[in-house]
Structures are given as C-alpha cells and as structure tokens.
Amino acid sequence: NLANYSKQTDLSRQVPGLMKIWVATPDMRTRQSHLVAHRHYSKNPIPIGQPFILQGEGKRRHQKFELMYPGDPNGPPELTIQCRCRMATIHPKVGPIGSTLDGRIAAELKRRGEKEL
C-alpha cells in the first residue's frame, strides 16, 4: 500500500482531482472499522493527500485515527497489523465505480449490526 500511495501521490501532480477509496476484504476476519471505512469511502472518495479517518478498535474504539493508506505505520497497531485492505485510485472524470465487494461488505456489516459512519 505504501508503494501504491507513493504512485498515487506522483500521479496526482499530473492529474488534478485524483481521489482514493478504501477497499476492505469482506469476511469475518476484517476489522469492523475497515468494513465501515470501505462502505463510507466507496461512496465518498477523498483527495490523495487527505487521510482516511478510521474509528479505533478495542480500548481505543472511541477515538478516530488518520491513515494515509491501509497499513499506514503512523496508525495504531490494532488498525494496521496484518491489514489486508488496499486502496483504489479514482479518476476525476470517471468518479467512483461500484464493486462486487460492496454488496459483500454491506452484508457483513448487516450481520454484525453495524450502522453507517
């Protein structure tokens, strides 16, 4: 993800308005906050230079953390260690594109009883 972020940053200098979204793995092992981030950012892409805001996990579940990309080492371990998420680049003229993962993420969040961000 660091390499992808570096590439996005370089490309954003050539393509103004480039955006990014969080892409989670839709299964029972995925952190709750990562599923919620997927759902939120797939509908609301953010500029490349803006951090993703994620809800903490465990003892820090009432805190919010800024991550520039999934697995960002500046985030707390409970949000980054063994993270299987990735991010996707959104071109300004194309906009967000739905994914087959979106339905699976929604189903997993519903199973867990989670509400929107």
C-alpha atoms as a PDB file:
ATOM      1  CA  ASN A   1       0.000   0.000   0.000  1.00  0.00           C
ATOM      2  CA  LEU A   2       2.908   2.377   0.612  1.00  0.00           C
ATOM      3  CA  ALA A   3       4.098   1.871  -2.969  1.00  0.00           C
ATOM      4  CA  ASN A   4       0.563   2.414  -4.261  1.00  0.00           C
ATOM      5  CA  TYR A   5       0.228   5.593  -2.188  1.00  0.00           C
ATOM      6  CA  SER A   6       3.579   6.890  -3.486  1.00  0.00           C
ATOM      7  CA  LYS A   7       2.469   6.221  -7.043  1.00  0.00           C
ATOM      8  CA  GLN A   8      -0.884   7.946  -6.409  1.00  0.00           C
ATOM      9  CA  THR A   9       0.905  10.975  -4.958  1.00  0.00           C
ATOM     10  CA  ASP A  10       3.161  11.286  -8.012  1.00  0.00           C
ATOM     11  CA  LEU A  11       0.249  10.793 -10.405  1.00  0.00           C
ATOM     12  CA  SER A  12      -1.892  13.384  -8.582  1.00  0.00           C
ATOM     13  CA  ARG A  13       0.619  16.045  -9.668  1.00  0.00           C
ATOM     14  CA  GLN A  14      -0.194  15.212 -13.300  1.00  0.00           C
ATOM     15  CA  VAL A  15      -3.930  14.545 -12.887  1.00  0.00           C
ATOM     16  CA  PRO A  16      -5.601  17.202 -10.737  1.00  0.00           C
ATOM     17  CA  GLY A  17      -8.574  15.981  -8.736  1.00  0.00           C
ATOM     18  CA  LEU A  18      -7.391  12.381  -8.385  1.00  0.00           C
ATOM     19  CA  MET A  19      -9.152  10.664  -5.478  1.00  0.00           C
ATOM     20  CA  LYS A  20      -8.800   7.469  -3.434  1.00  0.00           C
ATOM     21  CA  ILE A  21     -11.093   4.989  -1.710  1.00  0.00           C
ATOM     22  CA  TRP A  22     -10.576   2.313   0.966  1.00  0.00           C
ATOM     23  CA  VAL A  23     -11.096  -1.278  -0.193  1.00  0.00           C
ATOM     24  CA  ALA A  24     -11.632  -3.896   2.536  1.00  0.00           C
ATOM     25  CA  THR A  25     -11.673  -7.685   2.396  1.00  0.00           C
ATOM     26  CA  PRO A  26     -15.282  -8.734   3.085  1.00  0.00           C
ATOM     27  CA  ASP A  27     -15.009 -11.559   5.570  1.00  0.00           C
ATOM     28  CA  MET A  28     -15.328 -12.309   9.266  1.00  0.00           C
ATOM     29  CA  ARG A  29     -11.644 -11.586   9.976  1.00  0.00           C
ATOM     30  CA  THR A  30     -11.770  -7.998   8.731  1.00  0.00           C
ATOM     31  CA  ARG A  31     -11.775  -5.285  11.360  1.00  0.00           C
ATOM     32  CA  GLN A  32     -15.105  -3.565  11.887  1.00  0.00           C
ATOM     33  CA  SER A  33     -13.597  -0.129  11.284  1.00  0.00           C
ATOM     34  CA  HIS A  34     -12.157  -1.291   7.955  1.00  0.00           C
ATOM     35  CA  LEU A  35     -15.531  -2.542   6.738  1.00  0.00           C
ATOM     36  CA  VAL A  36     -17.103   0.765   7.753  1.00  0.00           C
ATOM     37  CA  ALA A  37     -14.293   2.691   6.008  1.00  0.00           C
ATOM     38  CA  HIS A  38     -14.876   0.682   2.821  1.00  0.00           C
ATOM     39  CA  ARG A  39     -18.570   1.464   2.849  1.00  0.00           C
ATOM     40  CA  HIS A  40     -18.071   5.153   3.638  1.00  0.00           C
ATOM     41  CA  TYR A  41     -15.199   5.916   1.244  1.00  0.00           C
ATOM     42  CA  SER A  42     -16.613   3.901  -1.660  1.00  0.00           C
ATOM     43  CA  LYS A  43     -19.456   6.461  -1.648  1.00  0.00           C
ATOM     44  CA  ASN A  44     -17.272   9.423  -0.628  1.00  0.00           C
ATOM     45  CA  PRO A  45     -13.811   9.313  -2.251  1.00  0.00           C
ATOM     46  CA  ILE A  46     -11.210  11.677  -0.819  1.00  0.00           C
ATOM     47  CA  PRO A  47      -8.255  13.540  -2.357  1.00  0.00           C
ATOM     48  CA  ILE A  48      -4.978  11.622  -2.484  1.00  0.00           C
ATOM     49  CA  GLY A  49      -3.322  13.933   0.067  1.00  0.00           C
ATOM     50  CA  GLN A  50      -6.155  13.660   2.603  1.00  0.00           C
ATOM     51  CA  PRO A  51      -6.062  10.947   5.293  1.00  0.00           C
ATOM     52  CA  PHE A  52      -8.691   8.284   5.789  1.00  0.00           C
ATOM     53  CA  ILE A  53     -10.401   8.684   9.169  1.00  0.00           C
ATOM     54  CA  LEU A  54     -10.992   5.369  10.945  1.00  0.00           C
ATOM     55  CA  GLN A  55     -12.649   4.530  14.227  1.00  0.00           C
ATOM     56  CA  GLY A  56     -10.317   2.895  16.724  1.00  0.00           C
ATOM     57  CA  GLU A  57     -10.693  -0.720  17.826  1.00  0.00           C
ATOM     58  CA  GLY A  58     -10.699  -2.307  21.272  1.00  0.00           C
ATOM     59  CA  LYS A  59      -9.808   0.061  24.103  1.00  0.00           C
ATOM     60  CA  ARG A  60      -9.498   2.940  21.630  1.00  0.00           C
ATOM     61  CA  ARG A  61     -12.841   2.371  19.886  1.00  0.00           C
ATOM     62  CA  HIS A  62     -13.996   5.878  20.855  1.00  0.00           C
ATOM     63  CA  GLN A  63     -11.019   7.518  19.154  1.00  0.00           C
ATOM     64  CA  LYS A  64     -10.522   8.369  15.500  1.00  0.00           C
ATOM     65  CA  PHE A  65      -7.270   7.882  13.645  1.00  0.00           C
ATOM     66  CA  GLU A  66      -5.857   9.290  10.419  1.00  0.00           C
ATOM     67  CA  LEU A  67      -4.272   6.839   7.993  1.00  0.00           C
ATOM     68  CA  MET A  68      -2.948   7.871   4.611  1.00  0.00           C
ATOM     69  CA  TYR A  69      -3.333   4.301   3.330  1.00  0.00           C
ATOM     70  CA  PRO A  70      -4.269   0.862   4.686  1.00  0.00           C
ATOM     71  CA  GLY A  71      -1.448  -0.398   6.896  1.00  0.00           C
ATOM     72  CA  ASP A  72      -0.043   3.114   7.438  1.00  0.00           C
ATOM     73  CA  PRO A  73       2.585   2.641  10.196  1.00  0.00           C
ATOM     74  CA  ASN A  74       1.582   6.009  11.693  1.00  0.00           C
ATOM     75  CA  GLY A  75      -1.708   4.397  12.746  1.00  0.00           C
ATOM     76  CA  PRO A  76      -2.146   2.305  15.886  1.00  0.00           C
ATOM     77  CA  PRO A  77      -1.235  -1.398  15.738  1.00  0.00           C
ATOM     78  CA  GLU A  78      -4.843  -2.524  16.206  1.00  0.00           C
ATOM     79  CA  LEU A  79      -5.713  -0.835  12.894  1.00  0.00           C
ATOM     80  CA  THR A  80      -2.628  -1.691  10.883  1.00  0.00           C
ATOM     81  CA  ILE A  81      -1.048  -5.026  11.813  1.00  0.00           C
ATOM     82  CA  GLN A  82      -1.923  -7.730   9.290  1.00  0.00           C
ATOM     83  CA  CYS A  83      -4.315  -5.404   7.489  1.00  0.00           C
ATOM     84  CA  ARG A  84      -5.452  -6.988   4.225  1.00  0.00           C
ATOM     85  CA  CYS A  85      -7.133  -3.851   2.881  1.00  0.00           C
ATOM     86  CA  ARG A  86      -5.946  -1.828  -0.067  1.00  0.00           C
ATOM     87  CA  MET A  87      -6.949   1.388  -1.736  1.00  0.00           C
ATOM     88  CA  ALA A  88      -8.079   2.262  -5.219  1.00  0.00           C
ATOM     89  CA  THR A  89      -7.486   5.367  -7.292  1.00  0.00           C
ATOM     90  CA  ILE A  90     -10.478   7.255  -8.663  1.00  0.00           C
ATOM     91  CA  HIS A  91     -10.028   9.418 -11.760  1.00  0.00           C
ATOM     92  CA  PRO A  92     -11.895  12.757 -11.540  1.00  0.00           C
ATOM     93  CA  LYS A  93     -13.725  12.255 -14.851  1.00  0.00           C
ATOM     94  CA  VAL A  94     -14.718   8.658 -14.114  1.00  0.00           C
ATOM     95  CA  GLY A  95     -15.786   9.023 -10.481  1.00  0.00           C
ATOM     96  CA  PRO A  96     -16.452   6.189  -8.022  1.00  0.00           C
ATOM     97  CA  ILE A  97     -17.103   2.814  -9.539  1.00  0.00           C
ATOM     98  CA  GLY A  98     -19.142   0.198  -7.713  1.00  0.00           C
ATOM     99  CA  SER A  99     -17.533  -3.096  -6.908  1.00  0.00           C
ATOM    100  CA  THR A 100     -18.811  -6.599  -6.371  1.00  0.00           C
ATOM    101  CA  LEU A 101     -17.241  -6.260  -2.908  1.00  0.00           C
ATOM    102  CA  ASP A 102     -19.730  -3.530  -1.973  1.00  0.00           C
ATOM    103  CA  GLY A 103     -22.598  -6.000  -1.544  1.00  0.00           C
ATOM    104  CA  ARG A 104     -20.446  -8.395   0.462  1.00  0.00           C
ATOM    105  CA  ILE A 105     -19.238  -5.555   2.717  1.00  0.00           C
ATOM    106  CA  ALA A 106     -22.849  -4.423   3.256  1.00  0.00           C
ATOM    107  CA  ALA A 107     -23.893  -7.996   4.124  1.00  0.00           C
ATOM    108  CA  GLU A 108     -21.032  -8.415   6.618  1.00  0.00           C
ATOM    109  CA  LEU A 109     -21.833  -5.087   8.292  1.00  0.00           C
ATOM    110  CA  LYS A 110     -25.510  -6.016   8.474  1.00  0.00           C
ATOM    111  CA  ARG A 111     -24.581  -9.381  10.005  1.00  0.00           C
ATOM    112  CA  ARG A 112     -22.593  -7.510  12.661  1.00  0.00           C
ATOM    113  CA  GLY A 113     -25.393  -4.981  13.226  1.00  0.00           C
ATOM    114  CA  GLU A 114     -23.246  -2.009  12.214  1.00  0.00           C
ATOM    115  CA  LYS A 115     -24.698   1.318  11.152  1.00  0.00           C
ATOM    116  CA  GLU A 116     -23.367   3.871   8.681  1.00  0.00           C
ATOM    117  CA  LEU A 117     -20.393   6.074   9.580  1.00  0.00           C
END
